[in-house]
Amino acid sequence: MASGRDQLDEPVSAADPEPGPDTAARKAGRPRSRVVWHTGVVLVFALAGALFLTARDTANGQGDIRPDRGAQLSDVIRAQNTHNQQLTEQVAAQRADQDALTRAQSADARVKAVQDQVDALSGPVALTPVSGSALAVTLNDAPPNAQPAAGAPAAQPDWLIIHQQDVQAVVNALWAGGATGIQLMDQRLAPTSAVRCVGNTLLLQGRVYSPPYVITAVGDPTKLRASLLAAPAVQTYLEYVSAYGLGWDVKARDRVTLPGYTGPLDVSFASVAP
């Protein structure tokens, strides 16, 4: 997902080949003895043989890269994902306890004034749930047997998967369309949320997700849909939907409730509210 996706009608030029070795400089060196030359040849052949055997063993599942290594890594990722989710839930519970203790001091006028400011900002920073009609957008990789449409160039593997920029394009278009709250997969997005990619998986607030990616935005479905279709980056994505079968599904929903954001608030700078 880390790679970009260009317009289909833009030519893609191959990188210029690396220049060859400087023959004149190589010949200018002092000649080596015949013994050293023979020794170098032997070492080169020995190294080539070792690499060949290593490649053969790896292909047969006998080298360091075993067939079960992928399964082991998947287990580690799933375990860490579960652990991160548990930590997020603990943070949410502690935040609720802190809020309850703060409100218990509402008899103090100064505490109450600050709490009123916090309450006023809780909505814009996505800490409170939001309900209403919504638009749900689903992005997915192309199917394994996808074939290019008539007239489209042969697909590169990079063109058949969802990229970070695709998810960001949809999220930005929904905000521009007047969304009052957005949820990506099962997590509410806050102003500090960042969509990252690791390989062809999505990393969001400490948790890893695989496609299909579901983005739900609360707002006027008609305006949200119009904003989506007007966004240039989304239009580019839709070209690949038509040419290579990338997943694209948009559905209006009568009423949904998005939970409040429960993750950490990564704030680098702050100022006292007036």
Protein backbone atom coordinates (compact mmCIF):
# COMPACT_ATOMS: atom_id res chain seq x y z
CA MET A 1 0.00 0.00 0.00
CA ALA A 2 2.92 2.30 0.29
CA SER A 3 3.31 2.81 -3.45
CA GLY A 4 1.52 5.42 -5.52
CA ARG A 5 -0.98 5.01 -8.31
CA ASP A 6 -0.75 7.17 -11.45
CA GLN A 7 -3.32 8.09 -14.03
CA LEU A 8 -3.71 5.30 -16.57
CA ASP A 9 -2.87 7.56 -19.49
CA GLU A 10 0.46 8.69 -18.01
CA PRO A 11 3.51 6.90 -19.48
CA VAL A 12 5.69 5.07 -17.05
CA SER A 13 9.38 5.30 -17.97
CA ALA A 14 11.91 2.76 -16.85
CA ALA A 15 14.90 3.97 -14.88
CA ASP A 16 18.09 4.50 -16.86
CA PRO A 17 20.42 1.53 -16.59
CA GLU A 18 23.38 1.86 -14.29
CA PRO A 19 26.63 2.65 -16.12
CA GLY A 20 29.05 -0.22 -16.51
CA PRO A 21 32.36 -0.46 -14.68
CA ASP A 22 35.09 1.92 -15.66
CA THR A 23 37.25 -0.30 -17.86
CA ALA A 24 40.15 2.14 -18.14
CA ALA A 25 40.36 2.59 -14.38
CA ARG A 26 40.21 -1.16 -13.87
CA LYS A 27 43.09 -1.73 -16.33
CA ALA A 28 45.20 0.96 -14.69
CA GLY A 29 45.62 -1.15 -11.54
CA ARG A 30 48.67 -3.25 -10.96
CA PRO A 31 48.47 -6.82 -12.41
CA ARG A 32 48.03 -9.54 -9.82
CA SER A 33 49.99 -12.76 -9.67
CA ARG A 34 48.71 -15.92 -11.33
CA VAL A 35 48.38 -17.60 -7.91
CA VAL A 36 46.13 -14.86 -6.57
CA TRP A 37 44.06 -14.99 -9.75
CA HIS A 38 43.54 -18.77 -9.46
CA THR A 39 42.64 -18.40 -5.78
CA GLY A 40 40.03 -15.78 -6.64
CA VAL A 41 38.47 -18.02 -9.27
CA VAL A 42 38.21 -20.91 -6.80
CA LEU A 43 36.58 -18.69 -4.18
CA VAL A 44 34.07 -17.32 -6.68
CA PHE A 45 33.02 -20.82 -7.77
CA ALA A 46 32.81 -21.98 -4.16
CA LEU A 47 30.59 -19.03 -3.24
CA ALA A 48 28.39 -19.60 -6.28
CA GLY A 49 27.96 -23.26 -5.31
CA ALA A 50 27.04 -22.32 -1.75
CA LEU A 51 24.44 -19.82 -2.98
CA PHE A 52 22.98 -22.43 -5.33
CA LEU A 53 22.61 -24.98 -2.52
CA THR A 54 21.06 -22.37 -0.23
CA ALA A 55 18.54 -21.39 -2.91
CA ARG A 56 17.68 -25.04 -3.54
CA ASP A 57 17.14 -25.77 0.16
CA THR A 58 15.03 -22.63 0.55
CA ALA A 59 12.85 -23.59 -2.42
CA ASN A 60 12.36 -27.05 -0.87
CA GLY A 61 11.45 -25.58 2.52
CA GLN A 62 14.71 -26.74 4.13
CA GLY A 63 16.42 -23.37 4.54
CA ASP A 64 15.94 -20.61 7.07
CA ILE A 65 12.71 -19.49 5.32
CA ARG A 66 10.39 -22.33 6.24
CA PRO A 67 6.84 -22.74 4.92
CA ASP A 68 5.47 -22.24 8.43
CA ARG A 69 7.32 -18.96 8.95
CA GLY A 70 4.44 -16.96 7.43
CA ALA A 71 1.96 -18.67 9.73
CA GLN A 72 4.15 -17.88 12.74
CA LEU A 73 4.33 -14.20 11.80
CA SER A 74 0.56 -14.10 11.31
CA ASP A 75 0.08 -15.54 14.80
CA VAL A 76 2.38 -12.89 16.27
CA ILE A 77 0.50 -10.10 14.47
CA ARG A 78 -2.88 -11.41 15.63
CA ALA A 79 -1.67 -11.72 19.23
CA GLN A 80 -0.24 -8.19 19.22
CA ASN A 81 -3.42 -6.87 17.62
CA THR A 82 -5.50 -8.41 20.39
CA HIS A 83 -3.15 -7.03 23.02
CA ASN A 84 -3.35 -3.53 21.55
CA GLN A 85 -7.14 -3.72 21.51
CA GLN A 86 -7.14 -4.70 25.20
CA LEU A 87 -4.87 -1.75 26.02
CA THR A 88 -7.18 0.58 24.12
CA GLU A 89 -10.13 -0.66 26.14
CA GLN A 90 -8.18 -0.11 29.37
CA VAL A 91 -7.37 3.44 28.31
CA ALA A 92 -11.06 4.08 27.59
CA ALA A 93 -12.07 2.73 31.01
CA GLN A 94 -9.47 4.85 32.80
CA ARG A 95 -10.53 7.91 30.85
CA ALA A 96 -14.14 7.32 31.91
CA ASP A 97 -13.06 7.00 35.56
CA GLN A 98 -11.07 10.21 35.29
CA ASP A 99 -14.04 12.01 33.76
CA ALA A 100 -16.32 10.77 36.54
CA LEU A 101 -13.90 11.96 39.24
CA THR A 102 -13.59 15.34 37.56
CA ARG A 103 -17.35 15.79 37.35
CA ALA A 104 -17.66 14.87 41.03
CA GLN A 105 -15.79 18.09 41.77
CA SER A 106 -18.33 20.20 39.90
CA ALA A 107 -19.10 22.11 43.10
CA ASP A 108 -15.84 23.95 42.53
CA ALA A 109 -16.63 26.79 40.12
CA ARG A 110 -13.16 26.69 38.56
CA VAL A 111 -13.37 22.94 37.89
CA LYS A 112 -16.86 23.32 36.46
CA ALA A 113 -15.72 26.10 34.11
CA VAL A 114 -12.87 23.96 32.77
CA GLN A 115 -15.18 20.94 32.44
CA ASP A 116 -17.62 23.03 30.40
CA GLN A 117 -14.77 23.89 28.02
CA VAL A 118 -13.83 20.23 27.75
CA ASP A 119 -17.43 19.27 27.00
CA ALA A 120 -17.63 21.91 24.27
CA LEU A 121 -14.52 20.49 22.59
CA SER A 122 -15.40 16.81 22.99
CA GLY A 123 -17.52 16.77 19.86
CA PRO A 124 -14.98 18.35 17.48
CA VAL A 125 -12.22 16.04 18.71
CA ALA A 126 -14.47 12.96 18.28
CA LEU A 127 -14.58 11.95 21.96
CA THR A 128 -18.37 11.66 22.00
CA PRO A 129 -20.61 9.35 19.92
CA VAL A 130 -22.32 10.76 16.85
CA SER A 131 -25.52 9.48 15.22
CA GLY A 132 -27.38 10.13 11.99
CA SER A 133 -27.72 9.10 8.38
CA ALA A 134 -24.47 7.93 6.84
CA LEU A 135 -22.58 6.73 3.80
CA ALA A 136 -20.49 3.54 3.93
CA VAL A 137 -17.65 3.09 1.42
CA THR A 138 -15.87 -0.24 0.96
CA LEU A 139 -12.49 -0.56 -0.78
CA ASN A 140 -11.01 -3.92 -1.68
CA ASP A 141 -8.11 -5.46 -3.60
CA ALA A 142 -8.79 -6.79 -7.08
CA PRO A 143 -9.62 -10.53 -7.23
CA PRO A 144 -6.66 -12.89 -7.82
CA ASN A 145 -7.83 -13.76 -11.33
CA ALA A 146 -8.52 -10.16 -12.37
CA GLN A 147 -8.01 -9.43 -16.06
CA PRO A 148 -7.55 -5.93 -17.51
CA ALA A 149 -10.47 -4.46 -19.36
CA ALA A 150 -10.32 -4.16 -23.15
CA GLY A 151 -7.77 -1.55 -24.13
CA ALA A 152 -6.17 -1.31 -20.69
CA PRO A 153 -2.45 -2.08 -20.35
CA ALA A 154 -1.30 -5.23 -18.59
CA ALA A 155 -1.65 -4.75 -14.84
CA GLN A 156 1.31 -4.44 -12.55
CA PRO A 157 0.89 -6.10 -9.12
CA ASP A 158 1.07 -2.66 -7.51
CA TRP A 159 -2.09 -1.61 -9.36
CA LEU A 160 -4.25 -4.42 -7.97
CA ILE A 161 -4.12 -3.59 -4.26
CA ILE A 162 -5.49 -0.83 -2.05
CA HIS A 163 -2.96 1.86 -1.20
CA GLN A 164 -2.70 4.24 1.71
CA GLN A 165 -3.49 7.14 -0.60
CA ASP A 166 -6.75 5.47 -1.68
CA VAL A 167 -8.03 5.27 1.90
CA GLN A 168 -6.85 8.81 2.59
CA ALA A 169 -8.56 10.09 -0.55
CA VAL A 170 -11.91 8.66 0.53
CA VAL A 171 -11.56 9.95 4.11
CA ASN A 172 -10.61 13.45 2.94
CA ALA A 173 -13.46 13.55 0.43
CA LEU A 174 -15.96 12.57 3.13
CA TRP A 175 -14.69 15.30 5.45
CA ALA A 176 -14.97 17.77 2.57
CA GLY A 177 -18.55 16.59 2.01
CA GLY A 178 -19.57 17.67 5.51
CA ALA A 179 -19.13 14.47 7.53
CA THR A 180 -19.65 15.05 11.25
CA GLY A 181 -17.86 11.83 12.17
CA ILE A 182 -15.95 9.08 10.38
CA GLN A 183 -15.17 5.52 11.39
CA LEU A 184 -12.54 3.38 9.64
CA MET A 185 -13.20 -0.31 10.19
CA ASP A 186 -14.18 -0.44 13.89
CA GLN A 187 -12.33 2.68 15.04
CA ARG A 188 -13.53 6.27 15.17
CA LEU A 189 -11.15 8.73 13.56
CA ALA A 190 -9.92 11.66 15.62
CA PRO A 191 -8.20 14.81 14.29
CA THR A 192 -4.88 13.22 15.27
CA SER A 193 -5.59 9.87 13.56
CA ALA A 194 -3.14 8.85 10.85
CA VAL A 195 -3.73 6.18 8.21
CA ARG A 196 -0.53 4.18 7.71
CA CYS A 197 0.33 1.15 5.64
CA VAL A 198 2.62 -1.80 6.32
CA GLY A 199 2.93 -3.83 3.14
CA ASN A 200 -0.63 -4.23 1.91
CA THR A 201 -2.19 -3.98 5.37
CA LEU A 202 -3.53 -0.96 7.20
CA LEU A 203 -2.08 0.23 10.50
CA LEU A 204 -4.47 2.42 12.45
CA GLN A 205 -3.89 3.52 16.02
CA GLY A 206 -1.83 0.47 16.94
CA ARG A 207 -3.98 -2.15 15.23
CA VAL A 208 -3.55 -3.93 11.90
CA TYR A 209 -6.32 -4.50 9.34
CA SER A 210 -6.55 -6.31 6.01
CA PRO A 211 -8.88 -5.43 3.13
CA PRO A 212 -11.73 -4.96 2.52
CA TYR A 213 -11.64 -1.58 4.26
CA VAL A 214 -14.97 -0.10 5.34
CA ILE A 215 -15.21 3.67 5.90
CA THR A 216 -18.44 4.97 7.44
CA ALA A 217 -19.23 8.68 7.57
CA VAL A 218 -22.17 10.33 9.33
CA GLY A 219 -23.69 13.15 7.31
CA ASP A 220 -25.96 13.89 4.37
CA PRO A 221 -25.49 10.85 2.08
CA THR A 222 -26.23 12.88 -1.06
CA LYS A 223 -23.59 15.50 -0.27
CA LEU A 224 -21.10 12.89 0.86
CA ARG A 225 -21.52 10.90 -2.36
CA ALA A 226 -21.17 14.02 -4.51
CA SER A 227 -17.98 15.00 -2.70
CA LEU A 228 -16.59 11.50 -3.24
CA LEU A 229 -17.18 11.49 -6.96
CA ALA A 230 -15.77 15.02 -7.35
CA ALA A 231 -12.44 14.26 -5.64
CA PRO A 232 -9.63 13.87 -8.25
CA ALA A 233 -7.86 11.14 -6.27
CA VAL A 234 -11.09 9.16 -6.01
CA GLN A 235 -11.67 9.59 -9.75
CA THR A 236 -8.23 8.09 -10.40
CA TYR A 237 -9.09 5.16 -8.14
CA LEU A 238 -12.34 4.61 -10.05
CA GLU A 239 -10.34 4.32 -13.29
CA TYR A 240 -8.59 1.31 -11.79
CA VAL A 241 -11.91 -0.05 -10.59
CA SER A 242 -13.11 -0.09 -14.19
CA ALA A 243 -9.83 -1.30 -15.70
CA TYR A 244 -8.70 -3.94 -13.20
CA GLY A 245 -11.58 -4.77 -10.89
CA LEU A 246 -10.54 -3.04 -7.67
CA GLY A 247 -13.33 -3.19 -5.11
CA TRP A 248 -15.67 -0.20 -4.78
CA ASP A 249 -19.01 -0.21 -3.02
CA VAL A 250 -20.98 2.77 -1.71
CA LYS A 251 -24.16 2.41 0.33
CA ALA A 252 -26.36 4.96 2.09
CA ARG A 253 -27.58 4.11 5.59
CA ASP A 254 -30.61 5.58 7.29
CA ARG A 255 -29.11 5.81 10.74
CA VAL A 256 -25.89 4.71 12.39
CA THR A 257 -24.14 5.54 15.65
CA LEU A 258 -20.38 5.92 15.66
CA PRO A 259 -18.71 5.44 19.05
CA GLY A 260 -16.47 8.10 20.53
CA TYR A 261 -12.75 7.92 19.96
CA THR A 262 -11.08 5.89 22.74
CA GLY A 263 -7.44 5.86 21.71
CA PRO A 264 -4.63 8.06 22.99
CA LEU A 265 -4.63 11.72 22.05
CA ASP A 266 -1.19 12.40 20.59
CA VAL A 267 -0.88 16.14 21.05
CA SER A 268 2.46 17.82 20.34
CA PHE A 269 1.41 21.39 21.11
CA ALA A 270 -1.33 22.88 23.28
CA SER A 271 -2.48 26.28 24.42
CA VAL A 272 -4.77 27.48 27.18
CA ALA A 273 -8.33 27.90 25.93
CA PRO A 274 -9.68 31.49 26.35
